[in-house]
C-alpha cells in the first residue's frame, strides 16, 4: 500500500515580502500568499488527493494557508492538529532583521551559514527580549527550558522528529493521507530525514512557498517517490528565489 504525504510551505508572508527573518514571530500571509494557498488547493484537488488528517504549526501563516488550501478542496472538515514542534526555525537575534541588509553587514557567506547550514545557529535572542517565546501565551504550558532562543536546522530537526514519530508517522502507517502545512525550515528538516539528505546537501535545498510537495511512501515509510505538484520549472524558479533572498543589495 502506498502512503501519501504532502508537505506544504505556507504562502508568502508579510515578512517574506519584506525580506525579513521571521522565525517564531507570528506574521500573517499577504494577498499573494492567500492566492498561493488557493493555487495549492487547486493543485492538490486536481491531483485527486483526499486528506484524512492535517497538521500545522501554531503560527497563523501556516494555519491560514492550511485552512485556505483545504477550503479550495472542499475538505475543511478534515481534522487539523497544531503543534509548536512544526514551527519555523527560531532565528534568534536575527528575527525581524532585513536579510539583505544583514548580508551587507555580516557578508553573504556568513548569512548563508546562519540560514542554510545544518548545525550553526544565529546569535541567541536575549532572555529578556519581549519576543522570547517564554513570554508568549501559546507556549505557557511548556517547560521554559524547551523553548529556544535560537536554532540551527539540526536542533529544529531534533524538535520536529518526536512529533513525526508520535503523531504523523502513525497516521501514515495506518493508511491515512496526510497534509503537513508548515515552514521552510521545519519542512527542510523533514525533507532531510525522509530523503536521507546529507548535512552538506541540505545546504542547497530550498522549499518554495505555496507549492505542494507530494511524497509516496512504502509500508515502512521509506520514500518511493516525491515531486512538486504543477509545473516543475515554476517550482524550480520559486526555490531559486528563496535561495537568493539573503543576497546583499548592489
Protein backbone atom coordinates (compact mmCIF):
# COMPACT_ATOMS: atom_id res chain seq x y z
CA UNK A 1 0.00 0.00 0.00
CA UNK A 2 1.33 3.44 -0.95
CA UNK A 3 1.07 6.10 1.72
CA UNK A 4 0.69 9.71 0.59
CA UNK A 5 2.17 12.69 2.43
CA UNK A 6 2.09 16.30 1.27
CA UNK A 7 4.44 18.93 2.68
CA UNK A 8 3.20 22.46 2.03
CA UNK A 9 5.10 25.60 2.96
CA UNK A 10 2.80 28.48 3.87
CA UNK A 11 2.05 31.13 1.28
CA UNK A 12 4.05 34.35 1.11
CA UNK A 13 4.02 36.11 4.48
CA UNK A 14 4.31 39.84 5.09
CA UNK A 15 7.89 39.38 6.22
CA UNK A 16 8.66 37.15 3.22
CA UNK A 17 7.57 40.15 1.17
CA UNK A 18 9.72 42.50 3.25
CA UNK A 19 12.64 40.01 3.11
CA UNK A 20 12.97 39.84 6.90
CA UNK A 21 13.95 36.94 9.16
CA UNK A 22 10.67 35.74 10.65
CA UNK A 23 11.23 32.61 12.75
CA UNK A 24 8.68 32.31 15.54
CA UNK A 25 7.19 35.79 15.00
CA UNK A 26 3.50 35.31 14.20
CA UNK A 27 3.31 37.12 10.87
CA UNK A 28 0.29 36.64 8.59
CA UNK A 29 0.26 35.84 4.89
CA UNK A 30 -0.18 38.53 2.24
CA UNK A 31 -2.79 38.70 -0.53
CA UNK A 32 -0.22 36.95 -2.71
CA UNK A 33 0.16 34.31 -0.01
CA UNK A 34 -3.59 33.73 0.02
CA UNK A 35 -3.56 33.28 -3.76
CA UNK A 36 -0.68 30.82 -3.39
CA UNK A 37 -2.70 28.86 -0.83
CA UNK A 38 -5.72 28.78 -3.17
CA UNK A 39 -3.46 27.64 -6.02
CA UNK A 40 -2.01 24.92 -3.78
CA UNK A 41 -5.51 23.71 -3.01
CA UNK A 42 -6.34 23.56 -6.72
CA UNK A 43 -3.18 21.55 -7.46
CA UNK A 44 -3.99 19.07 -4.70
CA UNK A 45 -7.62 18.84 -5.80
CA UNK A 46 -6.56 18.22 -9.42
CA UNK A 47 -4.21 15.50 -8.15
CA UNK A 48 -7.25 13.83 -6.60
CA UNK A 49 -5.89 13.98 -3.06
CA UNK A 50 -8.35 13.14 -0.30
CA UNK A 51 -6.84 14.01 3.07
CA UNK A 52 -7.72 12.20 6.27
CA UNK A 53 -5.81 14.47 8.63
CA UNK A 54 -3.77 17.68 8.53
CA UNK A 55 -1.03 19.12 10.73
CA UNK A 56 0.20 22.70 11.12
CA UNK A 57 2.39 24.77 13.38
CA UNK A 58 0.85 27.21 15.87
CA UNK A 59 1.75 30.20 13.66
CA UNK A 60 -1.03 31.88 11.70
CA UNK A 61 0.74 31.89 8.32
CA UNK A 62 0.72 28.09 8.34
CA UNK A 63 -2.73 27.81 9.90
CA UNK A 64 -4.32 30.17 7.37
CA UNK A 65 -2.56 28.54 4.41
CA UNK A 66 -3.75 25.13 5.56
CA UNK A 67 -7.34 26.31 6.00
CA UNK A 68 -7.37 28.15 2.67
CA UNK A 69 -5.99 25.18 0.74
CA UNK A 70 -8.46 22.76 2.35
CA UNK A 71 -11.27 25.24 1.68
CA UNK A 72 -10.36 25.26 -2.02
CA UNK A 73 -10.52 21.44 -1.95
CA UNK A 74 -13.87 21.44 -0.11
CA UNK A 75 -12.17 19.47 2.65
CA UNK A 76 -12.46 21.91 5.57
CA UNK A 77 -13.92 19.10 7.67
CA UNK A 78 -10.56 17.30 7.80
CA UNK A 79 -9.23 17.15 11.40
CA UNK A 80 -6.36 19.61 11.92
CA UNK A 81 -3.77 19.30 14.70
CA UNK A 82 -1.45 22.15 15.66
CA UNK A 83 1.93 21.80 17.32
CA UNK A 84 4.75 24.18 18.20
CA UNK A 85 7.10 21.41 17.08
CA UNK A 86 6.22 22.28 13.47
CA UNK A 87 7.08 25.97 13.95
CA UNK A 88 9.64 27.66 11.77
CA UNK A 89 13.24 27.51 12.92
CA UNK A 90 13.88 30.15 15.61
CA UNK A 91 16.23 32.74 14.14
CA UNK A 92 17.41 34.12 17.46
CA UNK A 93 18.71 37.69 17.42
CA UNK A 94 18.16 37.88 13.64
CA UNK A 95 14.36 37.78 13.91
CA UNK A 96 12.87 40.92 12.37
CA UNK A 97 16.06 41.97 10.56
CA UNK A 98 16.21 42.62 6.82
CA UNK A 99 18.01 39.68 5.16
CA UNK A 100 19.82 41.72 2.50
CA UNK A 101 20.94 44.38 5.00
CA UNK A 102 22.17 41.63 7.33
CA UNK A 103 24.13 40.13 4.43
CA UNK A 104 25.67 43.50 3.63
CA UNK A 105 26.74 43.87 7.28
CA UNK A 106 28.00 40.35 8.01
CA UNK A 107 28.70 39.06 4.49
CA UNK A 108 26.63 36.77 2.29
CA UNK A 109 28.69 33.73 3.26
CA UNK A 110 28.02 34.18 6.98
CA UNK A 111 24.30 34.79 6.45
CA UNK A 112 24.07 31.72 4.20
CA UNK A 113 25.61 29.70 7.04
CA UNK A 114 23.07 31.09 9.52
CA UNK A 115 20.16 30.49 7.11
CA UNK A 116 21.05 27.21 5.48
CA UNK A 117 23.81 25.38 7.37
CA UNK A 118 22.95 22.26 9.29
CA UNK A 119 24.33 22.87 12.77
CA UNK A 120 25.38 26.53 13.13
CA UNK A 121 22.66 28.70 14.74
CA UNK A 122 22.36 32.50 14.58
CA UNK A 123 23.21 34.50 17.73
CA UNK A 124 20.85 33.91 20.67
CA UNK A 125 17.85 36.11 21.35
CA UNK A 126 18.26 37.83 24.72
CA UNK A 127 16.32 36.10 27.51
CA UNK A 128 14.59 39.40 28.40
CA UNK A 129 13.64 40.18 24.80
CA UNK A 130 9.84 40.74 24.66
CA UNK A 131 9.80 38.47 21.60
CA UNK A 132 11.21 35.49 23.51
CA UNK A 133 8.73 32.59 23.34
CA UNK A 134 8.63 32.28 27.14
CA UNK A 135 6.53 35.49 27.13
CA UNK A 136 4.05 34.11 24.56
CA UNK A 137 0.84 32.62 25.99
CA UNK A 138 0.64 29.87 23.38
CA UNK A 139 3.76 28.26 24.91
CA UNK A 140 2.77 28.80 28.56
CA UNK A 141 2.23 25.08 29.22
CA UNK A 142 5.73 24.16 28.02
CA UNK A 143 8.85 23.85 30.13
CA UNK A 144 10.79 27.07 29.63
CA UNK A 145 13.92 25.00 29.01
CA UNK A 146 12.27 23.52 25.91
CA UNK A 147 11.80 26.95 24.34
CA UNK A 148 14.61 28.02 22.02
CA UNK A 149 16.44 31.34 21.95
CA UNK A 150 17.93 30.32 18.59
CA UNK A 151 18.05 27.18 16.47
CA UNK A 152 20.09 25.53 13.76
CA UNK A 153 18.50 23.15 11.30
CA UNK A 154 19.92 20.31 13.42
CA UNK A 155 18.08 21.47 16.56
CA UNK A 156 14.96 22.17 14.51
CA UNK A 157 15.05 18.55 13.34
CA UNK A 158 15.51 17.40 16.94
CA UNK A 159 12.22 19.04 17.96
CA UNK A 160 10.31 18.08 14.79
CA UNK A 161 11.19 14.38 14.85
CA UNK A 162 9.39 13.47 18.10
CA UNK A 163 6.16 14.85 16.63
CA UNK A 164 6.79 12.96 13.40
CA UNK A 165 7.26 9.68 15.27
CA UNK A 166 4.46 10.22 17.81
CA UNK A 167 1.73 11.75 15.63
CA UNK A 168 2.35 11.98 11.89
CA UNK A 169 4.06 8.65 11.17
CA UNK A 170 1.39 6.56 12.98
CA UNK A 171 -1.32 8.15 10.82
CA UNK A 172 0.64 7.33 7.66
CA UNK A 173 1.24 3.77 8.82
CA UNK A 174 -2.50 3.45 9.42
CA UNK A 175 -3.04 4.24 5.75
CA UNK A 176 -4.16 7.86 6.16
CA UNK A 177 -3.35 10.54 3.59
CA UNK A 178 -1.64 13.38 5.46
CA UNK A 179 -1.11 17.09 4.83
CA UNK A 180 1.60 18.94 6.78
CA UNK A 181 1.47 22.71 6.34
CA UNK A 182 4.44 24.36 7.97
CA UNK A 183 7.55 26.41 7.24
CA UNK A 184 10.67 26.50 5.13
CA UNK A 185 12.99 25.06 7.76
CA UNK A 186 10.70 22.70 9.65
CA UNK A 187 9.87 21.20 6.25
CA UNK A 188 13.56 21.16 5.23
CA UNK A 189 14.17 19.17 8.41
CA UNK A 190 11.51 16.62 7.44
CA UNK A 191 12.80 16.57 3.85
CA UNK A 192 16.30 15.79 5.13
CA UNK A 193 15.01 12.99 7.34
CA UNK A 194 12.73 11.40 4.74
CA UNK A 195 15.20 11.59 1.86
CA UNK A 196 18.29 10.84 3.97
CA UNK A 197 19.94 14.01 2.66
CA UNK A 198 23.48 14.69 3.86
CA UNK A 199 24.39 17.70 6.01
CA UNK A 200 26.22 19.23 3.04
CA UNK A 201 23.44 18.63 0.52
CA UNK A 202 20.73 20.16 2.71
CA UNK A 203 22.56 23.49 2.49
CA UNK A 204 21.31 23.85 -1.09
CA UNK A 205 17.73 22.61 -0.57
CA UNK A 206 15.12 25.39 -0.62
CA UNK A 207 11.37 24.87 -0.15
CA UNK A 208 9.23 27.34 -2.16
CA UNK A 209 6.08 28.87 -0.72
CA UNK A 210 2.68 27.53 -1.69
CA UNK A 211 3.72 24.58 -3.90
CA UNK A 212 2.65 21.16 -2.56
CA UNK A 213 5.42 18.55 -2.34
CA UNK A 214 3.90 15.07 -2.68
CA UNK A 215 5.69 12.06 -1.18
CA UNK A 216 4.65 8.49 -1.89
CA UNK A 217 5.86 6.22 0.91
CA UNK A 218 6.11 2.48 1.37
CA UNK A 219 4.67 0.48 4.28
CA UNK A 220 7.77 1.27 6.34
CA UNK A 221 7.53 4.95 5.29
CA UNK A 222 10.58 4.79 3.06
CA UNK A 223 10.32 7.24 0.16
CA UNK A 224 9.18 5.66 -3.09
CA UNK A 225 8.90 8.94 -4.98
CA UNK A 226 8.48 12.66 -4.41
CA UNK A 227 7.62 15.61 -6.64
CA UNK A 228 6.23 19.10 -6.58
CA UNK A 229 2.71 19.34 -8.00
CA UNK A 230 2.16 21.53 -11.05
CA UNK A 231 4.84 22.93 -13.34
CA UNK A 232 8.31 21.61 -12.33
CA UNK A 233 10.00 24.68 -13.83
CA UNK A 234 7.83 27.00 -11.74
CA UNK A 235 8.82 25.10 -8.58
CA UNK A 236 12.49 25.31 -9.55
CA UNK A 237 12.31 29.09 -10.11
CA UNK A 238 10.44 29.57 -6.82
CA UNK A 239 13.11 27.60 -4.94
CA UNK A 240 15.84 29.70 -6.58
CA UNK A 241 14.05 32.85 -5.43
CA UNK A 242 14.19 31.57 -1.84
CA UNK A 243 17.93 30.93 -2.21
CA UNK A 244 18.50 34.50 -3.41
CA UNK A 245 16.69 36.23 -0.55
CA UNK A 246 19.79 36.83 1.57
CA UNK A 247 22.00 38.28 -1.14
CA UNK A 248 23.12 41.81 -0.35
CA UNK A 249 21.75 44.65 -2.41
CA UNK A 250 24.05 46.08 -5.05
